[in-house]
PDB file of N, CA and C in Angstrom:
ATOM      1  N   MET A   1      39.132  -0.180   2.782  1.00  0.00           N
ATOM      2  CA  MET A   1      37.839   0.458   2.615  1.00  0.00           C
ATOM      3  C   MET A   1      36.783  -0.621   2.373  1.00  0.00           C
ATOM      4  N   ILE A   2      35.618  -0.405   2.943  1.00  0.00           N
ATOM      5  CA  ILE A   2      34.480  -1.313   2.802  1.00  0.00           C
ATOM      6  C   ILE A   2      33.378  -0.597   2.020  1.00  0.00           C
ATOM      7  N   ASN A   3      32.853  -1.246   0.994  1.00  0.00           N
ATOM      8  CA  ASN A   3      31.676  -0.765   0.284  1.00  0.00           C
ATOM      9  C   ASN A   3      30.492  -1.589   0.769  1.00  0.00           C
ATOM     10  N   ARG A   4      29.427  -0.918   1.126  1.00  0.00           N
ATOM     11  CA  ARG A   4      28.257  -1.615   1.667  1.00  0.00           C
ATOM     12  C   ARG A   4      27.046  -1.275   0.813  1.00  0.00           C
ATOM     13  N   LEU A   5      26.381  -2.299   0.317  1.00  0.00           N
ATOM     14  CA  LEU A   5      25.175  -2.140  -0.479  1.00  0.00           C
ATOM     15  C   LEU A   5      24.046  -2.833   0.266  1.00  0.00           C
ATOM     16  N   VAL A   6      22.964  -2.094   0.523  1.00  0.00           N
ATOM     17  CA  VAL A   6      21.825  -2.642   1.260  1.00  0.00           C
ATOM     18  C   VAL A   6      20.567  -2.428   0.435  1.00  0.00           C
ATOM     19  N   LYS A   7      19.843  -3.522   0.177  1.00  0.00           N
ATOM     20  CA  LYS A   7      18.574  -3.459  -0.549  1.00  0.00           C
ATOM     21  C   LYS A   7      17.444  -3.390   0.473  1.00  0.00           C
ATOM     22  N   LEU A   8      16.578  -2.391   0.292  1.00  0.00           N
ATOM     23  CA  LEU A   8      15.454  -2.166   1.192  1.00  0.00           C
ATOM     24  C   LEU A   8      14.175  -2.168   0.368  1.00  0.00           C
ATOM     25  N   SER A   9      13.257  -3.067   0.685  1.00  0.00           N
ATOM     26  CA  SER A   9      12.003  -3.190  -0.063  1.00  0.00           C
ATOM     27  C   SER A   9      10.840  -2.790   0.824  1.00  0.00           C
ATOM     28  N   PHE A  10      10.103  -1.778   0.378  1.00  0.00           N
ATOM     29  CA  PHE A  10       8.970  -1.249   1.131  1.00  0.00           C
ATOM     30  C   PHE A  10       7.692  -1.400   0.315  1.00  0.00           C
ATOM     31  N   HIS A  11       6.577  -1.409   0.993  1.00  0.00           N
ATOM     32  CA  HIS A  11       5.300  -1.305   0.294  1.00  0.00           C
ATOM     33  C   HIS A  11       5.294   0.061  -0.397  1.00  0.00           C
ATOM     34  N   ALA A  12       4.768   0.130  -1.593  1.00  0.00           N
ATOM     35  CA  ALA A  12       4.801   1.371  -2.379  1.00  0.00           C
ATOM     36  C   ALA A  12       4.259   2.556  -1.586  1.00  0.00           C
ATOM     37  N   GLU A  13       3.220   2.320  -0.801  1.00  0.00           N
ATOM     38  CA  GLU A  13       2.624   3.428  -0.040  1.00  0.00           C
ATOM     39  C   GLU A  13       3.516   3.915   1.110  1.00  0.00           C
ATOM     40  N   ASP A  14       4.535   3.149   1.471  1.00  0.00           N
ATOM     41  CA  ASP A  14       5.451   3.549   2.546  1.00  0.00           C
ATOM     42  C   ASP A  14       6.760   4.132   2.034  1.00  0.00           C
ATOM     43  N   ALA A  15       6.944   4.185   0.723  1.00  0.00           N
ATOM     44  CA  ALA A  15       8.196   4.692   0.150  1.00  0.00           C
ATOM     45  C   ALA A  15       8.465   6.132   0.578  1.00  0.00           C
ATOM     46  N   GLY A  16       7.447   6.945   0.596  1.00  0.00           N
ATOM     47  CA  GLY A  16       7.608   8.340   1.004  1.00  0.00           C
ATOM     48  C   GLY A  16       8.027   8.475   2.458  1.00  0.00           C
ATOM     49  N   LYS A  17       7.499   7.618   3.315  1.00  0.00           N
ATOM     50  CA  LYS A  17       7.900   7.639   4.730  1.00  0.00           C
ATOM     51  C   LYS A  17       9.386   7.332   4.854  1.00  0.00           C
ATOM     52  N   PHE A  18       9.845   6.357   4.072  1.00  0.00           N
ATOM     53  CA  PHE A  18      11.258   6.006   4.128  1.00  0.00           C
ATOM     54  C   PHE A  18      12.134   7.145   3.607  1.00  0.00           C
ATOM     55  N   THR A  19      11.791   7.723   2.459  1.00  0.00           N
ATOM     56  CA  THR A  19      12.641   8.781   1.906  1.00  0.00           C
ATOM     57  C   THR A  19      12.684   9.993   2.839  1.00  0.00           C
ATOM     58  N   GLU A  20      11.603  10.284   3.499  1.00  0.00           N
ATOM     59  CA  GLU A  20      11.599  11.391   4.463  1.00  0.00           C
ATOM     60  C   GLU A  20      12.523  11.085   5.639  1.00  0.00           C
ATOM     61  N   LEU A  21      12.458   9.871   6.139  1.00  0.00           N
ATOM     62  CA  LEU A  21      13.341   9.476   7.231  1.00  0.00           C
ATOM     63  C   LEU A  21      14.804   9.523   6.775  1.00  0.00           C
ATOM     64  N   PHE A  22      15.086   9.043   5.578  1.00  0.00           N
ATOM     65  CA  PHE A  22      16.455   9.081   5.064  1.00  0.00           C
ATOM     66  C   PHE A  22      16.948  10.521   4.985  1.00  0.00           C
ATOM     67  N   ARG A  23      16.098  11.411   4.520  1.00  0.00           N
ATOM     68  CA  ARG A  23      16.462  12.827   4.420  1.00  0.00           C
ATOM     69  C   ARG A  23      16.827  13.381   5.802  1.00  0.00           C
ATOM     70  N   GLU A  24      16.087  12.962   6.817  1.00  0.00           N
ATOM     71  CA  GLU A  24      16.319  13.455   8.174  1.00  0.00           C
ATOM     72  C   GLU A  24      17.613  12.925   8.791  1.00  0.00           C
ATOM     73  N   VAL A  25      17.996  11.677   8.492  1.00  0.00           N
ATOM     74  CA  VAL A  25      19.123  11.055   9.188  1.00  0.00           C
ATOM     75  C   VAL A  25      20.389  10.924   8.353  1.00  0.00           C
ATOM     76  N   SER A  26      20.316  11.151   7.067  1.00  0.00           N
ATOM     77  CA  SER A  26      21.486  10.913   6.217  1.00  0.00           C
ATOM     78  C   SER A  26      22.687  11.762   6.630  1.00  0.00           C
ATOM     79  N   GLY A  27      22.472  12.989   7.040  1.00  0.00           N
ATOM     80  CA  GLY A  27      23.576  13.830   7.478  1.00  0.00           C
ATOM     81  C   GLY A  27      24.272  13.271   8.708  1.00  0.00           C
ATOM     82  N   LYS A  28      23.489  12.704   9.629  1.00  0.00           N
ATOM     83  CA  LYS A  28      24.068  12.101  10.833  1.00  0.00           C
ATOM     84  C   LYS A  28      24.872  10.851  10.482  1.00  0.00           C
ATOM     85  N   ILE A  29      24.363  10.075   9.540  1.00  0.00           N
ATOM     86  CA  ILE A  29      25.094   8.868   9.121  1.00  0.00           C
ATOM     87  C   ILE A  29      26.389   9.275   8.419  1.00  0.00           C
ATOM     88  N   ARG A  30      26.309  10.267   7.534  1.00  0.00           N
ATOM     89  CA  ARG A  30      27.515  10.723   6.826  1.00  0.00           C
ATOM     90  C   ARG A  30      28.567  11.269   7.787  1.00  0.00           C
ATOM     91  N   ALA A  31      28.118  11.833   8.907  1.00  0.00           N
ATOM     92  CA  ALA A  31      29.042  12.399   9.902  1.00  0.00           C
ATOM     93  C   ALA A  31      29.555  11.351  10.887  1.00  0.00           C
ATOM     94  N   PHE A  32      29.033  10.136  10.804  1.00  0.00           N
ATOM     95  CA  PHE A  32      29.438   9.097  11.746  1.00  0.00           C
ATOM     96  C   PHE A  32      30.915   8.751  11.508  1.00  0.00           C
ATOM     97  N   PRO A  33      31.689   8.585  12.573  1.00  0.00           N
ATOM     98  CA  PRO A  33      33.117   8.268  12.394  1.00  0.00           C
ATOM     99  C   PRO A  33      33.327   7.038  11.499  1.00  0.00           C
ATOM    100  N   GLY A  34      34.144   7.220  10.476  1.00  0.00           N
ATOM    101  CA  GLY A  34      34.459   6.126   9.570  1.00  0.00           C
ATOM    102  C   GLY A  34      33.634   6.102   8.302  1.00  0.00           C
ATOM    103  N   CYS A  35      32.503   6.829   8.266  1.00  0.00           N
ATOM    104  CA  CYS A  35      31.686   6.868   7.047  1.00  0.00           C
ATOM    105  C   CYS A  35      32.338   7.824   6.056  1.00  0.00           C
ATOM    106  N   LEU A  36      32.660   7.310   4.885  1.00  0.00           N
ATOM    107  CA  LEU A  36      33.308   8.104   3.849  1.00  0.00           C
ATOM    108  C   LEU A  36      32.328   8.602   2.798  1.00  0.00           C
ATOM    109  N   HIS A  37      31.193   7.890   2.650  1.00  0.00           N
ATOM    110  CA  HIS A  37      30.261   8.216   1.565  1.00  0.00           C
ATOM    111  C   HIS A  37      28.931   7.504   1.819  1.00  0.00           C
ATOM    112  N   LEU A  38      27.831   8.151   1.419  1.00  0.00           N
ATOM    113  CA  LEU A  38      26.498   7.546   1.532  1.00  0.00           C
ATOM    114  C   LEU A  38      25.625   8.081   0.418  1.00  0.00           C
ATOM    115  N   GLU A  39      24.969   7.164  -0.291  1.00  0.00           N
ATOM    116  CA  GLU A  39      24.017   7.537  -1.344  1.00  0.00           C
ATOM    117  C   GLU A  39      22.763   6.688  -1.199  1.00  0.00           C
ATOM    118  N   LEU A  40      21.651   7.227  -1.669  1.00  0.00           N
ATOM    119  CA  LEU A  40      20.403   6.476  -1.744  1.00  0.00           C
ATOM    120  C   LEU A  40      20.054   6.304  -3.215  1.00  0.00           C
ATOM    121  N   TRP A  41      19.859   5.066  -3.615  1.00  0.00           N
ATOM    122  CA  TRP A  41      19.471   4.738  -4.985  1.00  0.00           C
ATOM    123  C   TRP A  41      18.055   4.179  -4.967  1.00  0.00           C
ATOM    124  N   GLU A  42      17.340   4.360  -6.074  1.00  0.00           N
ATOM    125  CA  GLU A  42      15.960   3.875  -6.197  1.00  0.00           C
ATOM    126  C   GLU A  42      15.847   2.987  -7.425  1.00  0.00           C
ATOM    127  N   ASP A  43      15.174   1.860  -7.271  1.00  0.00           N
ATOM    128  CA  ASP A  43      14.989   0.946  -8.395  1.00  0.00           C
ATOM    129  C   ASP A  43      14.182   1.633  -9.489  1.00  0.00           C
ATOM    130  N   LEU A  44      14.578   1.420 -10.741  1.00  0.00           N
ATOM    131  CA  LEU A  44      13.901   2.052 -11.867  1.00  0.00           C
ATOM    132  C   LEU A  44      12.545   1.438 -12.169  1.00  0.00           C
ATOM    133  N   ARG A  45      12.368   0.178 -11.843  1.00  0.00           N
ATOM    134  CA  ARG A  45      11.151  -0.529 -12.251  1.00  0.00           C
ATOM    135  C   ARG A  45      10.191  -0.832 -11.112  1.00  0.00           C
ATOM    136  N   GLU A  46      10.718  -1.034  -9.940  1.00  0.00           N
ATOM    137  CA  GLU A  46       9.858  -1.464  -8.831  1.00  0.00           C
ATOM    138  C   GLU A  46       9.748  -0.372  -7.772  1.00  0.00           C
ATOM    139  N   LYS A  47       8.581   0.229  -7.687  1.00  0.00           N
ATOM    140  CA  LYS A  47       8.340   1.291  -6.702  1.00  0.00           C
ATOM    141  C   LYS A  47       8.495   0.721  -5.296  1.00  0.00           C
ATOM    142  N   GLY A  48       9.170   1.461  -4.466  1.00  0.00           N
ATOM    143  CA  GLY A  48       9.350   1.038  -3.083  1.00  0.00           C
ATOM    144  C   GLY A  48      10.628   0.254  -2.825  1.00  0.00           C
ATOM    145  N   VAL A  49      11.437   0.031  -3.864  1.00  0.00           N
ATOM    146  CA  VAL A  49      12.704  -0.680  -3.679  1.00  0.00           C
ATOM    147  C   VAL A  49      13.847   0.331  -3.773  1.00  0.00           C
ATOM    148  N   PHE A  50      14.650   0.368  -2.723  1.00  0.00           N
ATOM    149  CA  PHE A  50      15.771   1.296  -2.623  1.00  0.00           C
ATOM    150  C   PHE A  50      17.041   0.531  -2.291  1.00  0.00           C
ATOM    151  N   PHE A  51      18.156   1.177  -2.563  1.00  0.00           N
ATOM    152  CA  PHE A  51      19.463   0.650  -2.184  1.00  0.00           C
ATOM    153  C   PHE A  51      20.234   1.779  -1.512  1.00  0.00           C
ATOM    154  N   THR A  52      20.888   1.475  -0.414  1.00  0.00           N
ATOM    155  CA  THR A  52      21.845   2.432   0.117  1.00  0.00           C
ATOM    156  C   THR A  52      23.225   1.931  -0.262  1.00  0.00           C
ATOM    157  N   PHE A  53      24.055   2.852  -0.711  1.00  0.00           N
ATOM    158  CA  PHE A  53      25.445   2.552  -1.024  1.00  0.00           C
ATOM    159  C   PHE A  53      26.290   3.412  -0.099  1.00  0.00           C
ATOM    160  N   SER A  54      27.109   2.768   0.699  1.00  0.00           N
ATOM    161  CA  SER A  54      27.971   3.514   1.608  1.00  0.00           C
ATOM    162  C   SER A  54      29.391   2.975   1.540  1.00  0.00           C
ATOM    163  N   GLN A  55      30.319   3.836   1.902  1.00  0.00           N
ATOM    164  CA  GLN A  55      31.722   3.459   1.978  1.00  0.00           C
ATOM    165  C   GLN A  55      32.218   3.790   3.379  1.00  0.00           C
ATOM    166  N   TRP A  56      32.985   2.862   3.925  1.00  0.00           N
ATOM    167  CA  TRP A  56      33.489   2.969   5.292  1.00  0.00           C
ATOM    168  C   TRP A  56      34.984   2.753   5.288  1.00  0.00           C
ATOM    169  N   ASP A  57      35.675   3.421   6.191  1.00  0.00           N
ATOM    170  CA  ASP A  57      37.132   3.295   6.199  1.00  0.00           C
ATOM    171  C   ASP A  57      37.607   1.919   6.641  1.00  0.00           C
ATOM    172  N   SER A  58      36.746   1.176   7.355  1.00  0.00           N
ATOM    173  CA  SER A  58      37.115  -0.173   7.787  1.00  0.00           C
ATOM    174  C   SER A  58      35.864  -0.951   8.177  1.00  0.00           C
ATOM    175  N   GLU A  59      36.011  -2.243   8.256  1.00  0.00           N
ATOM    176  CA  GLU A  59      34.903  -3.083   8.716  1.00  0.00           C
ATOM    177  C   GLU A  59      34.561  -2.766  10.167  1.00  0.00           C
ATOM    178  N   ALA A  60      35.575  -2.414  10.958  1.00  0.00           N
ATOM    179  CA  ALA A  60      35.343  -2.056  12.363  1.00  0.00           C
ATOM    180  C   ALA A  60      34.465  -0.804  12.466  1.00  0.00           C
ATOM    181  N   SER A  61      34.686   0.177  11.605  1.00  0.00           N
ATOM    182  CA  SER A  61      33.852   1.387  11.616  1.00  0.00           C
ATOM    183  C   SER A  61      32.416   1.072  11.227  1.00  0.00           C
ATOM    184  N   LEU A  62      32.248   0.231  10.207  1.00  0.00           N
ATOM    185  CA  LEU A  62      30.901  -0.180   9.799  1.00  0.00           C
ATOM    186  C   LEU A  62      30.204  -0.898  10.952  1.00  0.00           C
ATOM    187  N   ASP A  63      30.901  -1.815  11.602  1.00  0.00           N
ATOM    188  CA  ASP A  63      30.304  -2.536  12.732  1.00  0.00           C
ATOM    189  C   ASP A  63      29.976  -1.592  13.879  1.00  0.00           C
ATOM    190  N   HIS A  64      30.846  -0.619  14.124  1.00  0.00           N
ATOM    191  CA  HIS A  64      30.576   0.363  15.183  1.00  0.00           C
ATOM    192  C   HIS A  64      29.266   1.096  14.887  1.00  0.00           C
ATOM    193  N   TYR A  65      29.062   1.492  13.634  1.00  0.00           N
ATOM    194  CA  TYR A  65      27.809   2.131  13.240  1.00  0.00           C
ATOM    195  C   TYR A  65      26.629   1.175  13.409  1.00  0.00           C
ATOM    196  N   ARG A  66      26.778  -0.064  12.949  1.00  0.00           N
ATOM    197  CA  ARG A  66      25.666  -1.023  12.979  1.00  0.00           C
ATOM    198  C   ARG A  66      25.187  -1.329  14.398  1.00  0.00           C
ATOM    199  N   PHE A  67      26.048  -1.133  15.392  1.00  0.00           N
ATOM    200  CA  PHE A  67      25.658  -1.398  16.774  1.00  0.00           C
ATOM    201  C   PHE A  67      25.487  -0.117  17.582  1.00  0.00           C
ATOM    202  N   SER A  68      25.418   1.015  16.891  1.00  0.00           N
ATOM    203  CA  SER A  68      25.300   2.311  17.556  1.00  0.00           C
ATOM    204  C   SER A  68      23.843   2.652  17.879  1.00  0.00           C
ATOM    205  N   PRO A  69      23.631   3.557  18.831  1.00  0.00           N
ATOM    206  CA  PRO A  69      22.276   4.053  19.103  1.00  0.00           C
ATOM    207  C   PRO A  69      21.638   4.701  17.869  1.00  0.00           C
ATOM    208  N   LEU A  70      22.445   5.372  17.032  1.00  0.00           N
ATOM    209  CA  LEU A  70      21.898   5.982  15.815  1.00  0.00           C
ATOM    210  C   LEU A  70      21.289   4.924  14.910  1.00  0.00           C
ATOM    211  N   PHE A  71      22.034   3.858  14.626  1.00  0.00           N
ATOM    212  CA  PHE A  71      21.516   2.797  13.761  1.00  0.00           C
ATOM    213  C   PHE A  71      20.264   2.167  14.377  1.00  0.00           C
ATOM    214  N   LYS A  72      20.324   1.865  15.660  1.00  0.00           N
ATOM    215  CA  LYS A  72      19.175   1.231  16.321  1.00  0.00           C
ATOM    216  C   LYS A  72      17.935   2.104  16.238  1.00  0.00           C
ATOM    217  N   SER A  73      18.107   3.403  16.375  1.00  0.00           N
ATOM    218  CA  SER A  73      16.979   4.328  16.282  1.00  0.00           C
ATOM    219  C   SER A  73      16.400   4.356  14.872  1.00  0.00           C
ATOM    220  N   VAL A  74      17.276   4.456  13.885  1.00  0.00           N
ATOM    221  CA  VAL A  74      16.818   4.467  12.489  1.00  0.00           C
ATOM    222  C   VAL A  74      16.129   3.150  12.151  1.00  0.00           C
ATOM    223  N   TRP A  75      16.748   2.042  12.531  1.00  0.00           N
ATOM    224  CA  TRP A  75      16.208   0.721  12.211  1.00  0.00           C
ATOM    225  C   TRP A  75      14.836   0.514  12.836  1.00  0.00           C
ATOM    226  N   ALA A  76      14.641   1.048  14.037  1.00  0.00           N
ATOM    227  CA  ALA A  76      13.344   0.910  14.715  1.00  0.00           C
ATOM    228  C   ALA A  76      12.222   1.574  13.922  1.00  0.00           C
ATOM    229  N   HIS A  77      12.540   2.639  13.183  1.00  0.00           N
ATOM    230  CA  HIS A  77      11.529   3.314  12.363  1.00  0.00           C
ATOM    231  C   HIS A  77      11.367   2.679  10.988  1.00  0.00           C
ATOM    232  N   VAL A  78      12.458   2.121  10.463  1.00  0.00           N
ATOM    233  CA  VAL A  78      12.443   1.584   9.100  1.00  0.00           C
ATOM    234  C   VAL A  78      11.894   0.161   9.039  1.00  0.00           C
ATOM    235  N   LYS A  79      12.305  -0.668   9.967  1.00  0.00           N
ATOM    236  CA  LYS A  79      11.964  -2.091   9.908  1.00  0.00           C
ATOM    237  C   LYS A  79      10.453  -2.373   9.795  1.00  0.00           C
ATOM    238  N   PRO A  80       9.589  -1.662  10.524  1.00  0.00           N
ATOM    239  CA  PRO A  80       8.149  -1.945  10.384  1.00  0.00           C
ATOM    240  C   PRO A  80       7.579  -1.635   8.994  1.00  0.00           C
ATOM    241  N   LEU A  81       8.303  -0.867   8.204  1.00  0.00           N
ATOM    242  CA  LEU A  81       7.825  -0.494   6.863  1.00  0.00           C
ATOM    243  C   LEU A  81       8.198  -1.520   5.794  1.00  0.00           C
ATOM    244  N   PHE A  82       9.058  -2.487   6.128  1.00  0.00           N
ATOM    245  CA  PHE A  82       9.560  -3.431   5.137  1.00  0.00           C
ATOM    246  C   PHE A  82       8.468  -4.319   4.553  1.00  0.00           C
ATOM    247  N   LYS A  83       8.573  -4.521   3.250  1.00  0.00           N
ATOM    248  CA  LYS A  83       7.757  -5.508   2.554  1.00  0.00           C
ATOM    249  C   LYS A  83       8.475  -6.855   2.552  1.00  0.00           C
ATOM    250  N   ALA A  84       9.803  -6.804   2.581  1.00  0.00           N
ATOM    251  CA  ALA A  84      10.653  -8.000   2.587  1.00  0.00           C
ATOM    252  C   ALA A  84      11.870  -7.690   3.452  1.00  0.00           C
ATOM    253  N   PRO A  85      12.513  -8.713   3.982  1.00  0.00           N
ATOM    254  CA  PRO A  85      13.712  -8.459   4.792  1.00  0.00           C
ATOM    255  C   PRO A  85      14.790  -7.731   3.979  1.00  0.00           C
ATOM    256  N   ALA A  86      15.532  -6.888   4.660  1.00  0.00           N
ATOM    257  CA  ALA A  86      16.642  -6.192   4.014  1.00  0.00           C
ATOM    258  C   ALA A  86      17.721  -7.206   3.625  1.00  0.00           C
ATOM    259  N   GLU A  87      18.424  -6.882   2.553  1.00  0.00           N
ATOM    260  CA  GLU A  87      19.557  -7.699   2.113  1.00  0.00           C
ATOM    261  C   GLU A  87      20.775  -6.786   2.078  1.00  0.00           C
ATOM    262  N   ALA A  88      21.925  -7.294   2.538  1.00  0.00           N
ATOM    263  CA  ALA A  88      23.120  -6.454   2.599  1.00  0.00           C
ATOM    264  C   ALA A  88      24.336  -7.223   2.117  1.00  0.00           C
ATOM    265  N   TRP A  89      25.223  -6.482   1.448  1.00  0.00           N
ATOM    266  CA  TRP A  89      26.471  -7.048   0.952  1.00  0.00           C
ATOM    267  C   TRP A  89      27.600  -6.084   1.277  1.00  0.00           C
ATOM    268  N   SER A  90      28.708  -6.618   1.756  1.00  0.00           N
ATOM    269  CA  SER A  90      29.947  -5.851   1.889  1.00  0.00           C
ATOM    270  C   SER A  90      30.850  -6.317   0.758  1.00  0.00           C
ATOM    271  N   VAL A  91      31.287  -5.378  -0.076  1.00  0.00           N
ATOM    272  CA  VAL A  91      32.028  -5.729  -1.280  1.00  0.00           C
ATOM    273  C   VAL A  91      33.249  -4.828  -1.448  1.00  0.00           C
ATOM    274  N   ARG A  92      34.139  -5.270  -2.305  1.00  0.00           N
ATOM    275  CA  ARG A  92      35.291  -4.445  -2.661  1.00  0.00           C
ATOM    276  C   ARG A  92      35.471  -4.539  -4.170  1.00  0.00           C
ATOM    277  N   LYS A  93      36.143  -3.558  -4.716  1.00  0.00           N
ATOM    278  CA  LYS A  93      36.442  -3.576  -6.144  1.00  0.00           C
ATOM    279  C   LYS A  93      37.440  -4.682  -6.404  1.00  0.00           C
ATOM    280  N   ASN A  94      37.181  -5.451  -7.442  1.00  0.00           N
ATOM    281  CA  ASN A  94      38.085  -6.530  -7.812  1.00  0.00           C
ATOM    282  C   ASN A  94      39.357  -5.944  -8.398  1.00  0.00           C
ATOM    283  N   PRO A  95      40.525  -6.401  -7.950  1.00  0.00           N
ATOM    284  CA  PRO A  95      41.802  -5.877  -8.466  1.00  0.00           C
ATOM    285  C   PRO A  95      41.974  -6.039  -9.972  1.00  0.00           C
ATOM    286  N   VAL A  96      41.270  -6.969 -10.585  1.00  0.00           N
ATOM    287  CA  VAL A  96      41.363  -7.153 -12.037  1.00  0.00           C
ATOM    288  C   VAL A  96      40.874  -5.908 -12.769  1.00  0.00           C
ATOM    289  N   ASP A  97      39.939  -5.164 -12.152  1.00  0.00           N
ATOM    290  CA  ASP A  97      39.347  -3.980 -12.775  1.00  0.00           C
ATOM    291  C   ASP A  97      40.101  -2.709 -12.349  1.00  0.00           C
ATOM    292  N   SER A  98      41.408  -2.727 -12.503  1.00  0.00           N
ATOM    293  CA  SER A  98      42.214  -1.552 -12.101  1.00  0.00           C
ATOM    294  C   SER A  98      42.657  -0.732 -13.278  1.00  0.00           C
TER     295      SER A  98
END
């Protein structure tokens, strides 16, 4: 399983545009083959900063999504709203914390 955390920073005035778009496409992303979970988190202190947390059954499934027409369509609408480049991490739970 792959856990994916993506930080998205928008101008405060564009935060609503992003959340509306997320509301529209989140169901399609959740239904994408290999997607096990998707959440949207919002920074407590900085308006316009969001994180998506998703879980994928494999790195291959995540890559399939990242190169899909769905991702390209979403990215085309989101990218112009960025205040800073997106940051992404693929992580796993450390076995020490079992």
